[in-house]
Amino acid sequence: MNAWLIWTIAIALLVGSTPVRAADPFVIEAVFPLSGSGAFLGKAEAQTLGVMETIVNRAGGIGSQPVHFDVQDDASSPQVGVQLMTALTAKHVPFVFGSALVAVCNAMFPVSKDLLMYCFSTGYHPPEGSLSFSGPVSTVDQITAGIRYLSQRGLKRIAIITSNDATGTDADHIIDSVLAQPEFRNVSIATHQHFGVTDVSVSAQIAQITASGAQALVGWTTGNSLGTILHGYQDAGLKIAFVGGSGNLSYGEMKAYANLMPSDCSFPGSPALDPRSLPAGPERRAAEDFQTAFIAAGEHPDISSGYGYDQVMMVVNAFRKLGPNATAVQLRNYIVSTHYSGINGTYDFTAHPGQGLGSNGVVMLHWNVAKDGFDAVSGLGGTLKS
């Protein structure tokens, strides 16, 4: 056997014995509050991305690559969020899932430069035409649905209590504009109270609310501050209807505050958390499949998964269509031009810039302790059930 043939056989054997390398993952960046005051939201959103990673990869990933969501911790701090976003822009990544907190999203956007930011905070309001989304609905639509739900029940004298952080400030700006709509001309604010997120009691504010003769209370805040309001409500023996902020619809928080919640207590949130709230058809079937997938993964569907699922799928579909080298502008243009039918409705970014859905992507939800899950107590948009 000549030397040439020996080398040919040796090379063939070496090639044949070399293990096939799995495709490198296609990394999609995310920045969430895994620690700090917003950790209850950020951890749930990180879990959502973990389940979505499995769902997407079972369906083939993106091209020939498995997807991996790389989640970094903004520590619930706008300053940390800016540092992380600055580092990501330096890496020239085309896309990032933004924070769960409105203050962090507001801080990150000015330094996001040429990447597309999709914030999980519904309180972040993307500048029209910008390289940013939030949602899939805005706090304007959520507050509209909450007040509509109370108004259609005949509860037209409403007390408001908001925290002094970005979440509460956002609500303060929205509530007056919502009540200026002709639909709510007979709704009035009995009293509007404020409190600090580090306050341990709101007894003085609750006393003002009790004295106002309000028929319902809207308490717009998130996290531990909700517990402060609920403690004050219970201590004062209030019996009026209570509407809370949507950011509290995490499974862990619902379990933690279950014993404090009024019997008439609801939150504006994702219709997919109770698929029966959606009309029969493809959207309800998609919501039922979403519920099945998350429960099979050992996760409890909540606000993070209900609103995060469609966001992830729209971005993944854009990369699948455009390829892994798609630019931020190409991704944005694809998403806004595609009427994606998801678990919360069909998205129309022309009618609803920045989010894709309006108040019809909201339903009022009540925590059902016995069910260990959510029940819709309204129709879409906060309307009374027919």
Protein backbone atom coordinates (compact mmCIF):
# COMPACT_ATOMS: atom_id res chain seq x y z
CA MET A 1 0.00 0.00 0.00
CA ASN A 2 1.53 3.32 -1.06
CA ALA A 3 1.97 6.29 1.27
CA TRP A 4 -0.70 8.35 -0.50
CA LEU A 5 -3.38 5.69 0.07
CA ILE A 6 -2.35 5.26 3.72
CA TRP A 7 -2.74 9.01 4.35
CA THR A 8 -6.12 9.07 2.58
CA ILE A 9 -7.44 6.25 4.78
CA ALA A 10 -6.06 7.88 7.93
CA ILE A 11 -7.68 11.22 7.16
CA ALA A 12 -11.00 9.53 6.39
CA LEU A 13 -10.90 7.67 9.71
CA LEU A 14 -10.11 10.89 11.59
CA VAL A 15 -12.93 12.77 9.92
CA GLY A 16 -15.34 9.92 10.53
CA SER A 17 -14.43 9.71 14.20
CA THR A 18 -14.72 13.47 14.89
CA PRO A 19 -17.99 14.16 16.73
CA VAL A 20 -20.45 16.42 14.96
CA ARG A 21 -20.56 19.77 16.72
CA ALA A 22 -24.01 20.99 17.68
CA ALA A 23 -25.01 24.30 16.17
CA ASP A 24 -24.10 27.30 18.27
CA PRO A 25 -27.17 28.84 19.91
CA PHE A 26 -28.76 31.96 18.49
CA VAL A 27 -28.62 34.34 21.47
CA ILE A 28 -31.36 36.87 22.13
CA GLU A 29 -30.51 39.35 24.88
CA ALA A 30 -32.83 40.32 27.75
CA VAL A 31 -32.53 42.71 30.70
CA PHE A 32 -34.88 42.03 33.63
CA PRO A 33 -34.98 42.91 37.36
CA LEU A 34 -33.82 39.62 38.88
CA SER A 35 -33.07 41.38 42.17
CA GLY A 36 -34.32 44.46 43.96
CA SER A 37 -37.87 45.72 44.29
CA GLY A 38 -38.98 44.41 40.88
CA ALA A 39 -37.57 40.90 41.29
CA PHE A 40 -41.04 39.37 41.65
CA LEU A 41 -41.69 40.46 38.05
CA GLY A 42 -38.22 39.91 36.59
CA LYS A 43 -37.86 36.37 37.88
CA ALA A 44 -41.26 35.46 36.47
CA GLU A 45 -40.28 36.94 33.11
CA ALA A 46 -37.00 35.04 33.12
CA GLN A 47 -38.97 31.85 33.78
CA THR A 48 -41.25 32.76 30.88
CA LEU A 49 -38.26 33.04 28.56
CA GLY A 50 -37.02 29.66 29.82
CA VAL A 51 -40.29 27.99 28.86
CA MET A 52 -40.40 29.88 25.56
CA GLU A 53 -36.86 28.71 24.79
CA THR A 54 -38.06 25.10 25.00
CA ILE A 55 -41.18 25.82 22.93
CA VAL A 56 -39.24 27.65 20.20
CA ASN A 57 -36.48 25.04 20.01
CA ARG A 58 -38.94 22.16 19.78
CA ALA A 59 -40.33 23.95 16.72
CA GLY A 60 -36.87 24.14 15.12
CA GLY A 61 -35.32 27.23 16.67
CA ILE A 62 -34.26 29.94 14.23
CA GLY A 63 -32.91 28.50 11.01
CA SER A 64 -30.64 25.65 12.03
CA GLN A 65 -29.79 27.18 15.41
CA PRO A 66 -31.34 26.61 18.81
CA VAL A 67 -32.42 29.80 20.57
CA HIS A 68 -30.99 30.89 23.90
CA PHE A 69 -32.29 33.88 25.89
CA ASP A 70 -29.42 35.50 27.79
CA VAL A 71 -31.01 37.28 30.77
CA GLN A 72 -29.04 39.95 32.65
CA ASP A 73 -30.06 41.53 35.96
CA ASP A 74 -30.83 45.27 36.00
CA ALA A 75 -31.26 45.02 39.82
CA SER A 76 -34.46 47.13 39.52
CA SER A 77 -32.16 50.11 38.98
CA PRO A 78 -32.35 52.58 36.07
CA GLN A 79 -28.62 53.22 36.45
CA VAL A 80 -27.78 49.52 36.11
CA GLY A 81 -30.18 49.25 33.18
CA VAL A 82 -28.33 52.06 31.39
CA GLN A 83 -24.98 50.35 32.01
CA LEU A 84 -26.24 47.06 30.59
CA MET A 85 -27.87 48.70 27.59
CA THR A 86 -24.72 50.68 26.86
CA ALA A 87 -22.71 47.45 26.85
CA LEU A 88 -25.21 45.76 24.53
CA THR A 89 -25.15 48.64 22.05
CA ALA A 90 -21.34 48.39 22.04
CA LYS A 91 -21.70 44.73 21.03
CA HIS A 92 -23.97 45.84 18.13
CA VAL A 93 -26.73 43.38 18.98
CA PRO A 94 -29.88 44.12 16.94
CA PHE A 95 -32.43 43.41 19.64
CA VAL A 96 -33.05 43.22 23.40
CA PHE A 97 -36.05 42.44 25.59
CA GLY A 98 -36.22 45.36 27.99
CA SER A 99 -37.02 45.57 31.65
CA ALA A 100 -40.24 44.84 33.50
CA LEU A 101 -40.07 48.25 35.18
CA VAL A 102 -41.18 51.47 33.54
CA ALA A 103 -38.40 53.54 35.17
CA VAL A 104 -35.71 51.20 33.84
CA CYS A 105 -37.24 51.11 30.34
CA ASN A 106 -37.44 54.91 30.29
CA ALA A 107 -33.76 55.12 31.26
CA MET A 108 -32.57 52.47 28.80
CA PHE A 109 -34.27 53.77 25.67
CA PRO A 110 -32.14 56.94 25.17
CA VAL A 111 -28.96 54.83 25.10
CA SER A 112 -30.41 51.98 23.02
CA LYS A 113 -29.23 53.70 19.80
CA ASP A 114 -29.55 51.36 16.81
CA LEU A 115 -31.00 48.27 18.51
CA LEU A 116 -34.68 47.38 18.82
CA MET A 117 -35.90 47.33 22.44
CA TYR A 118 -39.07 45.43 23.34
CA CYS A 119 -39.99 46.32 26.94
CA PHE A 120 -42.09 44.00 29.05
CA SER A 121 -43.39 47.03 30.98
CA THR A 122 -46.82 48.20 29.85
CA GLY A 123 -46.08 51.54 31.53
CA TYR A 124 -43.36 52.34 29.01
CA HIS A 125 -44.86 54.37 26.16
CA PRO A 126 -42.71 54.02 23.00
CA PRO A 127 -42.22 57.20 20.97
CA GLU A 128 -44.14 56.74 17.74
CA GLY A 129 -41.94 55.39 14.96
CA SER A 130 -39.07 54.62 17.33
CA LEU A 131 -37.03 51.44 17.61
CA SER A 132 -38.97 50.31 20.65
CA PHE A 133 -42.13 48.46 21.60
CA SER A 134 -43.87 47.64 24.85
CA GLY A 135 -46.92 45.86 25.80
CA PRO A 136 -48.78 44.29 24.23
CA VAL A 137 -51.12 46.89 25.72
CA SER A 138 -50.39 50.18 27.46
CA THR A 139 -51.30 51.29 30.96
CA VAL A 140 -53.71 53.71 29.26
CA ASP A 141 -55.71 50.73 27.97
CA GLN A 142 -55.45 48.90 31.30
CA ILE A 143 -56.69 51.87 33.34
CA THR A 144 -59.42 52.48 30.76
CA ALA A 145 -60.57 48.87 31.12
CA GLY A 146 -60.53 49.10 34.93
CA ILE A 147 -62.58 52.30 35.06
CA ARG A 148 -64.97 50.98 32.39
CA TYR A 149 -65.53 47.85 34.49
CA LEU A 150 -66.37 49.92 37.56
CA SER A 151 -68.48 52.44 35.63
CA GLN A 152 -70.60 49.81 33.89
CA ARG A 153 -71.33 48.32 37.31
CA GLY A 154 -72.70 51.69 38.42
CA LEU A 155 -69.66 52.51 40.59
CA LYS A 156 -69.03 56.05 39.38
CA ARG A 157 -67.51 57.72 42.45
CA ILE A 158 -63.96 56.41 42.55
CA ALA A 159 -61.08 56.97 44.95
CA ILE A 160 -57.50 56.75 43.69
CA ILE A 161 -54.31 55.92 45.57
CA THR A 162 -50.98 55.82 43.74
CA SER A 163 -47.37 55.34 44.79
CA ASN A 164 -44.73 58.06 44.35
CA ASP A 165 -42.57 56.02 41.95
CA ALA A 166 -42.59 55.83 38.14
CA THR A 167 -45.52 53.38 38.16
CA GLY A 168 -47.71 55.70 40.22
CA THR A 169 -46.61 58.82 38.35
CA ASP A 170 -47.52 57.15 35.05
CA ALA A 171 -51.00 56.40 36.40
CA ASP A 172 -51.42 59.97 37.66
CA HIS A 173 -50.81 61.27 34.13
CA ILE A 174 -53.23 58.79 32.61
CA ILE A 175 -56.23 58.83 34.95
CA ASP A 176 -57.29 62.44 34.26
CA SER A 177 -57.05 61.92 30.50
CA VAL A 178 -59.08 58.71 30.70
CA LEU A 179 -61.82 60.36 32.75
CA ALA A 180 -61.96 63.19 30.19
CA GLN A 181 -63.31 60.71 27.62
CA PRO A 182 -67.05 61.16 26.87
CA GLU A 183 -67.66 57.56 27.97
CA PHE A 184 -66.76 58.49 31.54
CA ARG A 185 -68.42 61.91 31.83
CA ASN A 186 -70.49 60.68 34.80
CA VAL A 187 -67.47 59.23 36.64
CA SER A 188 -65.82 61.41 39.28
CA ILE A 189 -62.78 61.15 41.54
CA ALA A 190 -63.86 61.22 45.17
CA THR A 191 -60.27 61.72 46.36
CA HIS A 192 -56.79 61.10 44.98
CA GLN A 193 -54.22 60.04 47.56
CA HIS A 194 -50.47 59.40 47.27
CA PHE A 195 -47.97 57.45 49.35
CA GLY A 196 -44.29 56.55 49.34
CA VAL A 197 -43.12 53.13 48.24
CA THR A 198 -41.15 52.81 51.48
CA ASP A 199 -44.12 53.79 53.67
CA VAL A 200 -45.21 51.04 56.06
CA SER A 201 -48.75 52.37 56.47
CA VAL A 202 -51.38 54.23 54.44
CA SER A 203 -53.87 54.57 57.30
CA ALA A 204 -54.10 58.35 56.90
CA GLN A 205 -54.81 58.03 53.17
CA ILE A 206 -57.37 55.27 53.74
CA ALA A 207 -59.13 57.48 56.31
CA GLN A 208 -59.48 60.16 53.62
CA ILE A 209 -60.82 57.57 51.18
CA THR A 210 -63.35 56.29 53.73
CA ALA A 211 -64.56 59.81 54.44
CA SER A 212 -64.91 60.61 50.72
CA GLY A 213 -67.86 58.28 50.22
CA ALA A 214 -66.12 56.52 47.31
CA GLN A 215 -67.87 53.49 45.82
CA ALA A 216 -64.64 51.93 44.56
CA LEU A 217 -60.88 52.24 45.03
CA VAL A 218 -58.19 52.09 42.35
CA GLY A 219 -54.79 51.34 43.90
CA TRP A 220 -52.11 51.67 41.21
CA THR A 221 -48.74 50.39 42.35
CA THR A 222 -46.71 47.18 42.21
CA GLY A 223 -45.01 44.76 44.56
CA ASN A 224 -44.73 45.36 48.29
CA SER A 225 -46.63 48.61 47.95
CA LEU A 226 -49.75 46.69 46.99
CA GLY A 227 -49.49 44.84 50.29
CA THR A 228 -49.32 48.18 52.11
CA ILE A 229 -52.57 49.32 50.44
CA LEU A 230 -54.33 46.01 51.12
CA HIS A 231 -53.32 46.06 54.78
CA GLY A 232 -54.75 49.57 55.09
CA TYR A 233 -57.94 48.51 53.31
CA GLN A 234 -58.46 45.55 55.63
CA ASP A 235 -57.54 47.44 58.82
CA ALA A 236 -60.13 50.11 58.00
CA GLY A 237 -62.83 47.52 57.31
CA LEU A 238 -63.48 48.82 53.80
CA LYS A 239 -65.96 46.88 51.67
CA ILE A 240 -65.84 48.82 48.40
CA ALA A 241 -64.65 47.34 45.09
CA PHE A 242 -60.89 47.37 44.57
CA VAL A 243 -58.97 47.54 41.27
CA GLY A 244 -55.20 47.05 41.41
CA GLY A 245 -52.37 47.60 38.95
CA SER A 246 -51.68 44.92 36.37
CA GLY A 247 -48.03 44.54 37.37
CA ASN A 248 -49.17 42.64 40.46
CA LEU A 249 -50.57 39.70 38.51
CA SER A 250 -47.59 37.47 39.22
CA TYR A 251 -48.36 34.04 40.58
CA GLY A 252 -46.11 34.52 43.60
CA GLU A 253 -47.67 37.84 44.53
CA MET A 254 -51.21 36.55 44.17
CA LYS A 255 -50.38 33.68 46.52
CA ALA A 256 -48.67 36.00 49.00
CA TYR A 257 -51.58 38.47 49.21
CA ALA A 258 -54.49 36.07 48.78
CA ASN A 259 -55.63 36.45 52.39
CA LEU A 260 -55.54 40.25 52.17
CA MET A 261 -57.48 40.69 48.95
CA PRO A 262 -61.01 42.06 49.16
CA SER A 263 -63.78 39.79 47.94
CA ASP A 264 -64.48 42.31 45.16
CA CYS A 265 -60.92 42.64 43.85
CA SER A 266 -59.74 42.62 40.23
CA PHE A 267 -56.77 43.55 38.06
CA PRO A 268 -56.57 44.39 34.33
CA GLY A 269 -54.50 41.75 32.56
CA SER A 270 -54.04 39.26 29.76
CA PRO A 271 -57.14 37.47 28.39
CA ALA A 272 -54.96 34.39 27.92
CA LEU A 273 -54.88 33.87 31.70
CA ASP A 274 -58.51 32.77 31.36
CA PRO A 275 -59.02 31.59 27.77
CA ARG A 276 -62.80 31.53 28.33
CA SER A 277 -62.67 35.33 28.09
CA LEU A 278 -61.75 35.09 24.39
CA PRO A 279 -64.33 34.39 21.67
CA ALA A 280 -64.37 30.87 20.25
CA GLY A 281 -61.82 30.57 17.47
CA PRO A 282 -58.07 30.49 16.80
CA GLU A 283 -57.14 32.98 19.53
CA ARG A 284 -58.89 31.00 22.25
CA ARG A 285 -57.34 27.76 20.98
CA ALA A 286 -53.92 29.42 21.00
CA ALA A 287 -54.51 30.61 24.58
CA GLU A 288 -55.53 27.11 25.64
CA ASP A 289 -52.37 25.68 24.04
CA PHE A 290 -50.32 28.34 25.83
CA GLN A 291 -51.84 27.33 29.18
CA THR A 292 -51.14 23.65 28.48
CA ALA A 293 -47.51 24.32 27.49
CA PHE A 294 -46.70 26.33 30.61
CA ILE A 295 -48.43 23.95 33.00
CA ALA A 296 -46.62 21.01 31.37
CA ALA A 297 -43.34 22.86 32.01
CA GLY A 298 -44.23 23.17 35.70
CA GLU A 299 -44.90 26.92 35.49
CA HIS A 300 -48.01 28.85 36.49
CA PRO A 301 -49.19 31.23 33.75
CA ASP A 302 -49.37 34.83 35.01
CA ILE A 303 -48.97 38.37 33.69
CA SER A 304 -45.37 37.79 32.59
CA SER A 305 -46.18 34.74 30.51
CA GLY A 306 -49.58 36.01 29.37
CA TYR A 307 -48.14 39.16 27.87
CA GLY A 308 -44.64 37.82 27.17
CA TYR A 309 -45.64 34.88 24.98
CA ASP A 310 -46.81 36.92 21.99
CA GLN A 311 -43.86 39.32 22.24
CA VAL A 312 -41.39 36.44 22.06
CA MET A 313 -43.16 34.74 19.17
CA MET A 314 -43.33 37.93 17.09
CA VAL A 315 -39.59 38.48 17.50
CA VAL A 316 -38.75 34.83 16.78
CA ASN A 317 -40.98 34.85 13.69
CA ALA A 318 -39.23 37.99 12.47
CA PHE A 319 -35.78 36.38 12.79
CA ARG A 320 -37.06 33.21 11.10
CA LYS A 321 -38.37 35.22 8.17
CA LEU A 322 -35.50 37.70 7.84
CA GLY A 323 -32.60 35.51 8.94
CA PRO A 324 -30.27 35.72 11.93
CA ASN A 325 -28.46 38.77 10.55
CA ALA A 326 -31.58 40.93 10.47
CA THR A 327 -31.09 44.55 11.55
CA ALA A 328 -33.13 46.39 14.15
CA VAL A 329 -34.94 48.39 11.46
CA GLN A 330 -35.78 45.24 9.48
CA LEU A 331 -37.11 43.53 12.62
CA ARG A 332 -39.26 46.52 13.52
CA ASN A 333 -40.66 46.90 10.01
CA TYR A 334 -41.53 43.21 9.83
CA ILE A 335 -43.32 43.24 13.20
CA VAL A 336 -45.38 46.36 12.49
CA SER A 337 -46.39 45.12 9.03
CA THR A 338 -47.52 41.67 10.17
CA HIS A 339 -50.94 41.24 11.76
CA TYR A 340 -49.89 38.53 14.17
CA SER A 341 -52.75 36.54 15.73
CA GLY A 342 -51.64 35.63 19.23
CA ILE A 343 -53.04 34.51 22.54
CA ASN A 344 -54.28 38.02 23.41
CA GLY A 345 -55.75 39.01 20.06
CA THR A 346 -54.68 40.10 16.58
CA TYR A 347 -52.00 42.79 16.58
CA ASP A 348 -52.40 45.98 14.58
CA PHE A 349 -49.49 48.39 15.04
CA THR A 350 -51.12 50.96 12.77
CA ALA A 351 -54.18 51.27 15.00
CA HIS A 352 -52.16 50.87 18.20
CA PRO A 353 -48.58 52.14 17.63
CA GLY A 354 -45.96 50.76 19.95
CA GLN A 355 -48.10 47.98 21.45
CA GLY A 356 -50.28 46.42 18.76
CA LEU A 357 -53.35 45.92 20.93
CA GLY A 358 -55.79 48.34 22.56
CA SER A 359 -58.13 47.86 25.50
CA ASN A 360 -59.62 44.79 23.81
CA GLY A 361 -56.36 43.09 24.76
CA VAL A 362 -57.33 43.53 28.42
CA VAL A 363 -59.73 41.65 30.68
CA MET A 364 -60.41 42.16 34.40
CA LEU A 365 -59.07 39.21 36.39
CA HIS A 366 -59.80 37.93 39.89
CA TRP A 367 -57.51 35.57 41.79
CA ASN A 368 -59.36 32.31 42.51
CA VAL A 369 -57.76 30.74 45.58
CA ALA A 370 -59.51 27.39 45.15
CA LYS A 371 -58.58 27.19 41.47
CA ASP A 372 -55.04 28.46 42.14
CA GLY A 373 -55.41 30.60 39.06
CA PHE A 374 -57.24 33.50 37.45
CA ASP A 375 -60.90 34.01 36.55
CA ALA A 376 -62.06 36.69 34.13
CA VAL A 377 -64.77 38.82 35.74
CA SER A 378 -65.32 41.04 32.71
CA GLY A 379 -65.50 40.85 28.97
CA LEU A 380 -62.75 42.19 26.72
CA GLY A 381 -61.91 45.81 27.43
CA GLY A 382 -63.44 45.68 30.91
CA THR A 383 -67.01 45.48 29.63
CA LEU A 384 -69.61 43.66 31.68
CA LYS A 385 -70.12 40.04 30.72
CA SER A 386 -73.20 39.50 28.57
